[in-house]
C-alpha atoms as a PDB file:
ATOM      1  CA  MET A   1       0.000   0.000   0.000  1.00  0.00           C
ATOM      2  CA  ASN A   2       1.272   3.498  -0.810  1.00  0.00           C
ATOM      3  CA  VAL A   3       1.439   6.246   1.767  1.00  0.00           C
ATOM      4  CA  PHE A   4       1.052   9.639   0.123  1.00  0.00           C
ATOM      5  CA  SER A   5       3.294  12.496   1.219  1.00  0.00           C
ATOM      6  CA  SER A   6       3.185  15.774  -0.704  1.00  0.00           C
ATOM      7  CA  CYS A   7       6.081  17.066   1.391  1.00  0.00           C
ATOM      8  CA  ASN A   8       8.468  14.483  -0.006  1.00  0.00           C
ATOM      9  CA  ASN A   9      11.595  16.430  -0.952  1.00  0.00           C
ATOM     10  CA  THR A  10      12.473  13.888  -3.655  1.00  0.00           C
ATOM     11  CA  VAL A  11       9.814  15.297  -6.000  1.00  0.00           C
ATOM     12  CA  PRO A  12      11.604  16.630  -9.100  1.00  0.00           C
ATOM     13  CA  GLU A  13      10.821  20.135 -10.266  1.00  0.00           C
ATOM     14  CA  PHE A  14       8.460  20.509 -13.205  1.00  0.00           C
ATOM     15  CA  ASP A  15      10.044  22.995 -15.632  1.00  0.00           C
ATOM     16  CA  LYS A  16       7.152  25.158 -16.806  1.00  0.00           C
ATOM     17  CA  ASP A  17       9.280  27.051 -19.328  1.00  0.00           C
ATOM     18  CA  ASN A  18      10.458  23.834 -20.939  1.00  0.00           C
ATOM     19  CA  ALA A  19       6.836  22.676 -21.125  1.00  0.00           C
ATOM     20  CA  PHE A  20       5.868  25.930 -22.826  1.00  0.00           C
ATOM     21  CA  ARG A  21       8.669  25.384 -25.331  1.00  0.00           C
ATOM     22  CA  TYR A  22       7.080  22.048 -26.196  1.00  0.00           C
ATOM     23  CA  LEU A  23       3.754  23.854 -26.700  1.00  0.00           C
ATOM     24  CA  VAL A  24       5.282  26.381 -29.084  1.00  0.00           C
ATOM     25  CA  GLU A  25       7.189  23.722 -31.018  1.00  0.00           C
ATOM     26  CA  GLN A  26       3.975  21.839 -31.735  1.00  0.00           C
ATOM     27  CA  CYS A  27       2.237  24.988 -32.901  1.00  0.00           C
ATOM     28  CA  GLU A  28       5.117  25.791 -35.252  1.00  0.00           C
ATOM     29  CA  PHE A  29       3.990  22.821 -37.361  1.00  0.00           C
ATOM     30  CA  GLY A  30       0.713  24.657 -37.943  1.00  0.00           C
ATOM     31  CA  PRO A  31      -2.646  22.892 -37.605  1.00  0.00           C
ATOM     32  CA  ARG A  32      -2.229  19.189 -36.755  1.00  0.00           C
ATOM     33  CA  ASN A  33      -5.545  17.898 -38.050  1.00  0.00           C
ATOM     34  CA  PRO A  34      -5.413  14.458 -39.710  1.00  0.00           C
ATOM     35  CA  ASN A  35      -3.989  14.343 -43.264  1.00  0.00           C
ATOM     36  CA  SER A  36      -2.405  17.791 -42.964  1.00  0.00           C
ATOM     37  CA  ASN A  37       1.317  18.446 -43.356  1.00  0.00           C
ATOM     38  CA  GLY A  38       1.465  19.660 -39.777  1.00  0.00           C
ATOM     39  CA  TYR A  39      -0.082  16.395 -38.580  1.00  0.00           C
ATOM     40  CA  LYS A  40       2.577  14.285 -40.292  1.00  0.00           C
ATOM     41  CA  GLN A  41       5.436  16.471 -39.072  1.00  0.00           C
ATOM     42  CA  CYS A  42       4.124  16.547 -35.509  1.00  0.00           C
ATOM     43  CA  LEU A  43       3.617  12.787 -35.423  1.00  0.00           C
ATOM     44  CA  ASP A  44       7.285  12.345 -36.277  1.00  0.00           C
ATOM     45  CA  TYR A  45       8.317  14.981 -33.706  1.00  0.00           C
ATOM     46  CA  LEU A  46       6.298  13.352 -30.913  1.00  0.00           C
ATOM     47  CA  GLN A  47       7.607   9.877 -31.668  1.00  0.00           C
ATOM     48  CA  LYS A  48      11.216  11.071 -31.706  1.00  0.00           C
ATOM     49  CA  THR A  49      10.838  13.144 -28.550  1.00  0.00           C
ATOM     50  CA  LEU A  50       9.209  10.368 -26.524  1.00  0.00           C
ATOM     51  CA  SER A  51      11.602   7.735 -27.890  1.00  0.00           C
ATOM     52  CA  GLY A  52      14.445   9.697 -26.313  1.00  0.00           C
ATOM     53  CA  PHE A  53      12.826   9.440 -22.879  1.00  0.00           C
ATOM     54  CA  ALA A  54      10.676   6.330 -22.484  1.00  0.00           C
ATOM     55  CA  ASP A  55      11.557   2.748 -21.558  1.00  0.00           C
ATOM     56  CA  THR A  56       9.115   1.493 -24.199  1.00  0.00           C
ATOM     57  CA  ILE A  57       7.321   3.151 -27.124  1.00  0.00           C
ATOM     58  CA  LEU A  58       4.226   1.680 -28.776  1.00  0.00           C
ATOM     59  CA  LEU A  59       2.196   2.994 -31.692  1.00  0.00           C
ATOM     60  CA  GLN A  60      -1.464   2.052 -31.933  1.00  0.00           C
ATOM     61  CA  PRO A  61      -2.854   2.669 -35.431  1.00  0.00           C
ATOM     62  CA  PHE A  62      -6.603   2.830 -35.997  1.00  0.00           C
ATOM     63  CA  VAL A  63      -8.994   3.959 -38.715  1.00  0.00           C
ATOM     64  CA  LEU A  64     -11.537   6.716 -38.269  1.00  0.00           C
ATOM     65  CA  ASP A  65     -14.453   6.796 -40.702  1.00  0.00           C
ATOM     66  CA  ASP A  66     -15.922  10.290 -41.051  1.00  0.00           C
ATOM     67  CA  LEU A  67     -19.440   9.590 -42.255  1.00  0.00           C
ATOM     68  CA  VAL A  68     -20.179  13.273 -42.854  1.00  0.00           C
ATOM     69  CA  ASN A  69     -17.290  13.844 -45.263  1.00  0.00           C
ATOM     70  CA  GLU A  70     -17.311  10.216 -46.410  1.00  0.00           C
ATOM     71  CA  GLU A  71     -13.573   9.962 -45.701  1.00  0.00           C
ATOM     72  CA  SER A  72     -11.420   7.516 -43.763  1.00  0.00           C
ATOM     73  CA  TYR A  73      -8.390   8.609 -41.774  1.00  0.00           C
ATOM     74  CA  ASP A  74      -5.424   6.520 -40.658  1.00  0.00           C
ATOM     75  CA  LEU A  75      -4.727   7.730 -37.135  1.00  0.00           C
ATOM     76  CA  THR A  76      -2.179   6.847 -34.454  1.00  0.00           C
ATOM     77  CA  ASN A  77      -2.128   6.793 -30.659  1.00  0.00           C
ATOM     78  CA  ILE A  78       1.392   7.203 -29.248  1.00  0.00           C
ATOM     79  CA  ILE A  79       2.171   5.291 -26.053  1.00  0.00           C
ATOM     80  CA  ALA A  80       5.281   5.835 -23.891  1.00  0.00           C
ATOM     81  CA  ARG A  81       5.900   3.593 -20.889  1.00  0.00           C
ATOM     82  CA  PHE A  82       8.054   3.855 -17.758  1.00  0.00           C
ATOM     83  CA  LYS A  83       8.627   1.146 -15.110  1.00  0.00           C
ATOM     84  CA  VAL A  84       6.335  -1.368 -16.811  1.00  0.00           C
ATOM     85  CA  ASP A  85       6.979  -4.053 -14.173  1.00  0.00           C
ATOM     86  CA  GLU A  86       5.754  -2.010 -11.202  1.00  0.00           C
ATOM     87  CA  PRO A  87       2.538  -3.374  -9.647  1.00  0.00           C
ATOM     88  CA  GLU A  88       0.910   0.087  -9.506  1.00  0.00           C
ATOM     89  CA  GLN A  89       0.271   1.609 -12.941  1.00  0.00           C
ATOM     90  CA  LEU A  90      -0.928   5.134 -13.727  1.00  0.00           C
ATOM     91  CA  LEU A  91      -1.963   6.401 -17.168  1.00  0.00           C
ATOM     92  CA  ILE A  92      -1.645  10.083 -18.056  1.00  0.00           C
ATOM     93  CA  GLY A  93      -3.018  11.122 -21.433  1.00  0.00           C
ATOM     94  CA  ALA A  94      -3.750  14.061 -23.714  1.00  0.00           C
ATOM     95  CA  HIS A  95      -4.915  14.403 -27.300  1.00  0.00           C
ATOM     96  CA  TRP A  96      -2.346  15.565 -29.844  1.00  0.00           C
ATOM     97  CA  ASP A  97      -4.595  16.217 -32.858  1.00  0.00           C
ATOM     98  CA  THR A  98      -6.192  19.597 -33.524  1.00  0.00           C
ATOM     99  CA  ARG A  99      -9.631  20.505 -34.799  1.00  0.00           C
ATOM    100  CA  PRO A 100     -10.042  20.674 -38.592  1.00  0.00           C
ATOM    101  CA  TRP A 101     -12.684  23.413 -38.372  1.00  0.00           C
ATOM    102  CA  ALA A 102     -12.816  26.654 -36.383  1.00  0.00           C
ATOM    103  CA  ASP A 103     -16.565  26.158 -36.106  1.00  0.00           C
ATOM    104  CA  GLU A 104     -16.926  28.482 -33.085  1.00  0.00           C
ATOM    105  CA  ASP A 105     -15.042  31.376 -34.669  1.00  0.00           C
ATOM    106  CA  PRO A 106     -16.824  34.749 -34.402  1.00  0.00           C
ATOM    107  CA  GLU A 107     -15.976  35.415 -38.063  1.00  0.00           C
ATOM    108  CA  PRO A 108     -18.131  33.122 -40.254  1.00  0.00           C
ATOM    109  CA  GLU A 109     -15.627  33.108 -43.129  1.00  0.00           C
ATOM    110  CA  LYS A 110     -13.060  31.412 -40.864  1.00  0.00           C
ATOM    111  CA  ARG A 111     -15.270  28.594 -39.594  1.00  0.00           C
ATOM    112  CA  ASN A 112     -13.966  26.060 -42.100  1.00  0.00           C
ATOM    113  CA  ASP A 113     -10.322  26.865 -41.312  1.00  0.00           C
ATOM    114  CA  PRO A 114      -8.285  24.450 -39.144  1.00  0.00           C
ATOM    115  CA  ILE A 115      -7.145  25.730 -35.764  1.00  0.00           C
ATOM    116  CA  ILE A 116      -3.629  25.967 -34.332  1.00  0.00           C
ATOM    117  CA  GLY A 117      -4.751  24.344 -31.094  1.00  0.00           C
ATOM    118  CA  ALA A 118      -2.244  25.857 -28.688  1.00  0.00           C
ATOM    119  CA  ASN A 119      -4.530  25.162 -25.739  1.00  0.00           C
ATOM    120  CA  ASP A 120      -6.876  22.553 -27.223  1.00  0.00           C
ATOM    121  CA  GLY A 121      -4.199  20.042 -28.168  1.00  0.00           C
ATOM    122  CA  ALA A 122      -0.683  21.359 -27.557  1.00  0.00           C
ATOM    123  CA  SER A 123      -1.061  22.268 -23.872  1.00  0.00           C
ATOM    124  CA  GLY A 124      -1.847  18.790 -22.583  1.00  0.00           C
ATOM    125  CA  VAL A 125       0.831  17.280 -24.810  1.00  0.00           C
ATOM    126  CA  ALA A 126       3.372  19.833 -23.571  1.00  0.00           C
ATOM    127  CA  VAL A 127       2.837  18.744 -19.975  1.00  0.00           C
ATOM    128  CA  VAL A 128       3.064  15.078 -21.003  1.00  0.00           C
ATOM    129  CA  LEU A 129       6.369  15.678 -22.813  1.00  0.00           C
ATOM    130  CA  GLU A 130       7.892  17.502 -19.847  1.00  0.00           C
ATOM    131  CA  LEU A 131       6.715  14.692 -17.562  1.00  0.00           C
ATOM    132  CA  ALA A 132       8.417  12.220 -19.916  1.00  0.00           C
ATOM    133  CA  ARG A 133      11.684  14.120 -19.538  1.00  0.00           C
ATOM    134  CA  ILE A 134      11.335  14.047 -15.742  1.00  0.00           C
ATOM    135  CA  LEU A 135      10.417  10.349 -15.660  1.00  0.00           C
ATOM    136  CA  ASN A 136      13.519   9.584 -17.695  1.00  0.00           C
ATOM    137  CA  ALA A 137      15.800  11.606 -15.442  1.00  0.00           C
ATOM    138  CA  SER A 138      14.224  10.407 -12.174  1.00  0.00           C
ATOM    139  CA  PRO A 139      12.714   6.902 -12.361  1.00  0.00           C
ATOM    140  CA  PRO A 140       9.283   7.023 -10.669  1.00  0.00           C
ATOM    141  CA  PRO A 141       8.165   4.836  -7.733  1.00  0.00           C
ATOM    142  CA  ILE A 142       5.225   3.556  -9.800  1.00  0.00           C
ATOM    143  CA  GLY A 143       4.661   2.545 -13.386  1.00  0.00           C
ATOM    144  CA  VAL A 144       3.557   5.398 -15.636  1.00  0.00           C
ATOM    145  CA  THR A 145       2.134   5.150 -19.134  1.00  0.00           C
ATOM    146  CA  LEU A 146       1.863   8.364 -21.162  1.00  0.00           C
ATOM    147  CA  VAL A 147      -0.616   8.237 -24.027  1.00  0.00           C
ATOM    148  CA  LEU A 148      -1.055  10.846 -26.744  1.00  0.00           C
ATOM    149  CA  PHE A 149      -4.487  10.147 -28.174  1.00  0.00           C
ATOM    150  CA  ASP A 150      -5.340  10.899 -31.777  1.00  0.00           C
ATOM    151  CA  GLY A 151      -8.737  11.773 -33.225  1.00  0.00           C
ATOM    152  CA  GLU A 152     -10.195  13.486 -30.157  1.00  0.00           C
ATOM    153  CA  ASP A 153     -11.215  16.645 -31.965  1.00  0.00           C
ATOM    154  CA  MET A 154     -12.778  15.237 -35.154  1.00  0.00           C
ATOM    155  CA  GLY A 155     -16.206  15.269 -33.529  1.00  0.00           C
ATOM    156  CA  ARG A 156     -19.320  17.056 -34.670  1.00  0.00           C
ATOM    157  CA  SER A 157     -21.107  19.644 -32.568  1.00  0.00           C
ATOM    158  CA  GLY A 158     -24.086  18.118 -30.794  1.00  0.00           C
ATOM    159  CA  ILE A 159     -22.812  14.526 -31.185  1.00  0.00           C
ATOM    160  CA  PRO A 160     -20.640  13.899 -28.091  1.00  0.00           C
ATOM    161  CA  LYS A 161     -19.705  10.328 -28.997  1.00  0.00           C
ATOM    162  CA  SER A 162     -18.175  11.492 -32.290  1.00  0.00           C
ATOM    163  CA  TYR A 163     -15.307  12.924 -30.214  1.00  0.00           C
ATOM    164  CA  ALA A 164     -12.579  11.043 -28.302  1.00  0.00           C
ATOM    165  CA  GLN A 165     -11.999   8.451 -31.006  1.00  0.00           C
ATOM    166  CA  GLY A 166      -8.397   7.750 -29.997  1.00  0.00           C
ATOM    167  CA  SER A 167      -9.258   6.821 -26.425  1.00  0.00           C
ATOM    168  CA  LEU A 168     -12.198   4.793 -27.722  1.00  0.00           C
ATOM    169  CA  ALA A 169      -9.873   2.776 -29.964  1.00  0.00           C
ATOM    170  CA  PHE A 170      -7.423   2.390 -27.064  1.00  0.00           C
ATOM    171  CA  ALA A 171     -10.109   1.220 -24.631  1.00  0.00           C
ATOM    172  CA  LYS A 172     -11.714  -1.214 -27.073  1.00  0.00           C
ATOM    173  CA  ASP A 173      -8.397  -2.914 -27.845  1.00  0.00           C
ATOM    174  CA  LEU A 174      -6.073  -2.285 -24.905  1.00  0.00           C
ATOM    175  CA  PRO A 175      -2.460  -2.449 -26.128  1.00  0.00           C
ATOM    176  CA  ILE A 176      -1.183  -2.683 -22.529  1.00  0.00           C
ATOM    177  CA  GLU A 177      -2.440  -4.260 -19.332  1.00  0.00           C
ATOM    178  CA  LYS A 178      -5.238  -2.192 -17.811  1.00  0.00           C
ATOM    179  CA  PRO A 179      -3.832   0.627 -15.626  1.00  0.00           C
ATOM    180  CA  ASP A 180      -5.168   1.234 -12.138  1.00  0.00           C
ATOM    181  CA  GLU A 181      -6.340   4.763 -12.957  1.00  0.00           C
ATOM    182  CA  ALA A 182      -6.024   7.459 -15.588  1.00  0.00           C
ATOM    183  CA  ILE A 183      -5.676  11.238 -15.706  1.00  0.00           C
ATOM    184  CA  ILE A 184      -6.542  13.094 -18.915  1.00  0.00           C
ATOM    185  CA  LEU A 185      -5.180  16.601 -19.566  1.00  0.00           C
ATOM    186  CA  ASP A 186      -7.008  18.949 -21.929  1.00  0.00           C
ATOM    187  CA  MET A 187      -7.064  22.724 -22.327  1.00  0.00           C
ATOM    188  CA  ILE A 188      -4.756  23.371 -19.389  1.00  0.00           C
ATOM    189  CA  GLY A 189      -2.621  26.128 -20.931  1.00  0.00           C
ATOM    190  CA  ASP A 190      -5.190  28.943 -20.702  1.00  0.00           C
ATOM    191  CA  ALA A 191      -3.506  32.108 -19.437  1.00  0.00           C
ATOM    192  CA  GLU A 192      -6.584  32.656 -17.223  1.00  0.00           C
ATOM    193  CA  LEU A 193      -6.517  29.146 -15.799  1.00  0.00           C
ATOM    194  CA  HIS A 194      -9.413  27.924 -13.651  1.00  0.00           C
ATOM    195  CA  ILE A 195      -9.832  24.174 -13.171  1.00  0.00           C
ATOM    196  CA  PRO A 196     -13.016  23.141 -11.407  1.00  0.00           C
ATOM    197  CA  ILE A 197     -14.042  19.490 -11.065  1.00  0.00           C
ATOM    198  CA  GLU A 198     -15.588  17.963 -14.177  1.00  0.00           C
ATOM    199  CA  ARG A 199     -18.732  16.000 -13.305  1.00  0.00           C
ATOM    200  CA  PHE A 200     -18.042  12.728 -15.162  1.00  0.00           C
ATOM    201  CA  SER A 201     -14.634  12.647 -13.450  1.00  0.00           C
ATOM    202  CA  TYR A 202     -16.241  12.866 -10.033  1.00  0.00           C
ATOM    203  CA  GLN A 203     -18.620  10.056 -10.936  1.00  0.00           C
ATOM    204  CA  GLN A 204     -15.905   7.805 -12.385  1.00  0.00           C
ATOM    205  CA  ASN A 205     -13.152   8.236  -9.773  1.00  0.00           C
ATOM    206  CA  ARG A 206     -14.240  10.363  -6.839  1.00  0.00           C
ATOM    207  CA  LYS A 207     -11.303   9.183  -4.709  1.00  0.00           C
ATOM    208  CA  LEU A 208      -8.704  10.380  -7.214  1.00  0.00           C
ATOM    209  CA  VAL A 209     -10.472  13.717  -7.725  1.00  0.00           C
ATOM    210  CA  LYS A 210     -10.482  14.394  -3.991  1.00  0.00           C
ATOM    211  CA  LYS A 211      -6.846  13.358  -3.687  1.00  0.00           C
ATOM    212  CA  LEU A 212      -5.643  15.588  -6.544  1.00  0.00           C
ATOM    213  CA  TRP A 213      -7.684  18.669  -5.664  1.00  0.00           C
ATOM    214  CA  GLY A 214      -6.703  18.249  -2.014  1.00  0.00           C
ATOM    215  CA  LEU A 215      -3.045  18.037  -3.019  1.00  0.00           C
ATOM    216  CA  ALA A 216      -3.422  21.137  -5.185  1.00  0.00           C
ATOM    217  CA  LYS A 217      -4.676  23.004  -2.128  1.00  0.00           C
ATOM    218  CA  GLU A 218      -1.684  21.796  -0.075  1.00  0.00           C
ATOM    219  CA  LEU A 219       0.656  23.008  -2.822  1.00  0.00           C
ATOM    220  CA  SER A 220      -1.148  26.389  -3.155  1.00  0.00           C
ATOM    221  CA  LEU A 221      -1.983  25.719  -6.808  1.00  0.00           C
ATOM    222  CA  ASP A 222      -4.813  28.201  -6.947  1.00  0.00           C
ATOM    223  CA  ALA A 223      -6.044  27.336 -10.460  1.00  0.00           C
ATOM    224  CA  PHE A 224      -7.728  24.240  -8.987  1.00  0.00           C
ATOM    225  CA  GLU A 225     -11.213  24.985  -7.668  1.00  0.00           C
ATOM    226  CA  SER A 226     -13.149  22.559  -5.468  1.00  0.00           C
ATOM    227  CA  ARG A 227     -16.495  22.912  -7.197  1.00  0.00           C
ATOM    228  CA  ILE A 228     -18.218  20.581  -9.617  1.00  0.00           C
ATOM    229  CA  VAL A 229     -19.372  22.088 -12.910  1.00  0.00           C
ATOM    230  CA  HIS A 230     -19.790  20.858 -16.502  1.00  0.00           C
ATOM    231  CA  THR A 231     -20.122  17.331 -17.787  1.00  0.00           C
ATOM    232  CA  ILE A 232     -17.626  17.118 -20.650  1.00  0.00           C
ATOM    233  CA  TYR A 233     -17.316  14.216 -23.077  1.00  0.00           C
ATOM    234  CA  ASP A 234     -13.541  13.901 -23.318  1.00  0.00           C
ATOM    235  CA  ASP A 235     -10.990  11.084 -23.568  1.00  0.00           C
ATOM    236  CA  HIS A 236     -11.663   9.999 -19.979  1.00  0.00           C
ATOM    237  CA  VAL A 237     -15.225   8.865 -20.779  1.00  0.00           C
ATOM    238  CA  PRO A 238     -14.465   5.993 -23.237  1.00  0.00           C
ATOM    239  CA  LEU A 239     -11.680   4.767 -20.950  1.00  0.00           C
ATOM    240  CA  TRP A 240     -14.260   4.088 -18.252  1.00  0.00           C
ATOM    241  CA  ALA A 241     -17.199   3.151 -20.467  1.00  0.00           C
ATOM    242  CA  GLU A 242     -15.296   0.636 -22.624  1.00  0.00           C
ATOM    243  CA  ALA A 243     -12.483  -0.629 -20.374  1.00  0.00           C
ATOM    244  CA  GLU A 244     -13.537   0.333 -16.827  1.00  0.00           C
ATOM    245  CA  ILE A 245     -10.369   2.360 -16.309  1.00  0.00           C
ATOM    246  CA  PRO A 246     -11.325   4.861 -13.571  1.00  0.00           C
ATOM    247  CA  ALA A 247     -10.340   8.007 -15.437  1.00  0.00           C
ATOM    248  CA  ILE A 248     -10.674  11.712 -14.692  1.00  0.00           C
ATOM    249  CA  ASP A 249     -10.261  14.884 -16.743  1.00  0.00           C
ATOM    250  CA  ILE A 250      -8.238  17.951 -15.742  1.00  0.00           C
ATOM    251  CA  ILE A 251      -9.712  20.646 -17.970  1.00  0.00           C
ATOM    252  CA  ASP A 252     -10.485  24.363 -18.052  1.00  0.00           C
ATOM    253  CA  PHE A 253     -13.398  24.517 -20.453  1.00  0.00           C
ATOM    254  CA  ASN A 254     -13.894  28.316 -20.271  1.00  0.00           C
ATOM    255  CA  TYR A 255     -11.140  29.594 -22.560  1.00  0.00           C
ATOM    256  CA  PRO A 256     -10.247  32.300 -21.684  1.00  0.00           C
ATOM    257  CA  ASN A 257     -13.245  32.979 -19.408  1.00  0.00           C
ATOM    258  CA  SER A 258     -17.022  32.856 -19.211  1.00  0.00           C
ATOM    259  CA  TYR A 259     -17.336  36.105 -21.202  1.00  0.00           C
ATOM    260  CA  SER A 260     -15.055  35.396 -24.190  1.00  0.00           C
ATOM    261  CA  ASN A 261     -14.232  32.292 -26.216  1.00  0.00           C
ATOM    262  CA  TYR A 262     -11.105  31.099 -28.030  1.00  0.00           C
ATOM    263  CA  TRP A 263     -12.175  27.419 -28.005  1.00  0.00           C
ATOM    264  CA  HIS A 264     -12.516  25.992 -31.535  1.00  0.00           C
ATOM    265  CA  THR A 265     -11.554  29.359 -33.025  1.00  0.00           C
ATOM    266  CA  THR A 266      -8.550  30.740 -34.881  1.00  0.00           C
ATOM    267  CA  GLN A 267      -7.581  32.544 -31.646  1.00  0.00           C
ATOM    268  CA  ASP A 268      -6.395  29.344 -29.965  1.00  0.00           C
ATOM    269  CA  LEU A 269      -2.783  30.547 -30.157  1.00  0.00           C
ATOM    270  CA  PRO A 270       0.349  30.390 -27.943  1.00  0.00           C
ATOM    271  CA  GLU A 271      -0.020  34.035 -26.945  1.00  0.00           C
ATOM    272  CA  ASN A 272      -3.281  33.128 -25.202  1.00  0.00           C
ATOM    273  CA  CYS A 273      -1.531  30.450 -23.132  1.00  0.00           C
ATOM    274  CA  SER A 274       1.055  30.646 -20.362  1.00  0.00           C
ATOM    275  CA  ALA A 275       3.934  28.685 -18.887  1.00  0.00           C
ATOM    276  CA  GLU A 276       2.558  29.370 -15.413  1.00  0.00           C
ATOM    277  CA  SER A 277      -0.632  27.460 -16.217  1.00  0.00           C
ATOM    278  CA  LEU A 278       1.295  24.466 -17.545  1.00  0.00           C
ATOM    279  CA  GLY A 279       3.415  24.662 -14.416  1.00  0.00           C
ATOM    280  CA  GLN A 280       0.456  24.393 -12.064  1.00  0.00           C
ATOM    281  CA  VAL A 281      -0.790  21.190 -13.703  1.00  0.00           C
ATOM    282  CA  GLY A 282       2.656  19.697 -14.166  1.00  0.00           C
ATOM    283  CA  THR A 283       3.669  20.442 -10.580  1.00  0.00           C
ATOM    284  CA  LEU A 284       0.540  18.715  -9.290  1.00  0.00           C
ATOM    285  CA  LEU A 285       1.220  15.597 -11.352  1.00  0.00           C
ATOM    286  CA  ALA A 286       4.898  15.484 -10.386  1.00  0.00           C
ATOM    287  CA  HIS A 287       3.918  15.553  -6.717  1.00  0.00           C
ATOM    288  CA  TYR A 288       1.240  12.928  -7.266  1.00  0.00           C
ATOM    289  CA  ILE A 289       3.712  10.575  -8.960  1.00  0.00           C
ATOM    290  CA  TYR A 290       6.756  11.108  -6.745  1.00  0.00           C
ATOM    291  CA  GLY A 291       5.319  12.314  -3.452  1.00  0.00           C
ATOM    292  CA  ARG A 292       4.662   8.861  -2.032  1.00  0.00           C
ATOM    293  CA  GLN A 293       6.482   6.227  -0.056  1.00  0.00           C
ATOM    294  CA  LYS A 294       6.171   2.473  -0.407  1.00  0.00           C
END
């Protein structure tokens, strides 16, 4: 049994500036929607980056059929593993694809343009990549699997189950043994970061939610708010529904706030994100992974 201790001085520092560099590097490829040049370049970048850190790298190809456009897409989940033989196994995931359509853009002529996805895409991946660097430098006390899910943002408005196709493919055909729990990161780079508790997360793994938000309070990570708000269909939902992996979502859905919106618009850019926000989430996860004694 693990005894949790957030005061453990062996917790490595999460480098928020390095994480932000990873965010910018992804965005420099342009939109990363399937079949785009940016998608292909970023896939190669992510594989190479994680291969330099992880004990084991797996690729999970799957096919997404878009019935609206009558197209099929060859997509890829990227899986990086650390300490695979440890009895306790944690999954941390984020989606790496970006939305093909800026369908929420205030300017109608831009609504068919693909988005850059600095927050909705690159931010979660940036934290995952920095965690990979840390896990390589300081072997963790538990097993950790990092998954970059593809095809999360190909969904259609009003059809929740058309989203999160990468985690659905993962959960339906698990390429690894089932982890004990999972944490999904999405839209956590917002410069005005506020992370309340997502409702499905509380239903699926109340114990983990309480542990993480309680730890955030101990660490004075003030972006985390102990109130339950939206239900959001994200990559955590198929993990539980299809494979019974008790998964939660760390997400700030109001981007940048409840009065303005950059989500699914051409304004989802690095200048609307911040290293400090990535640092709050990354610091929490570093303490959750390392701040324990066996």
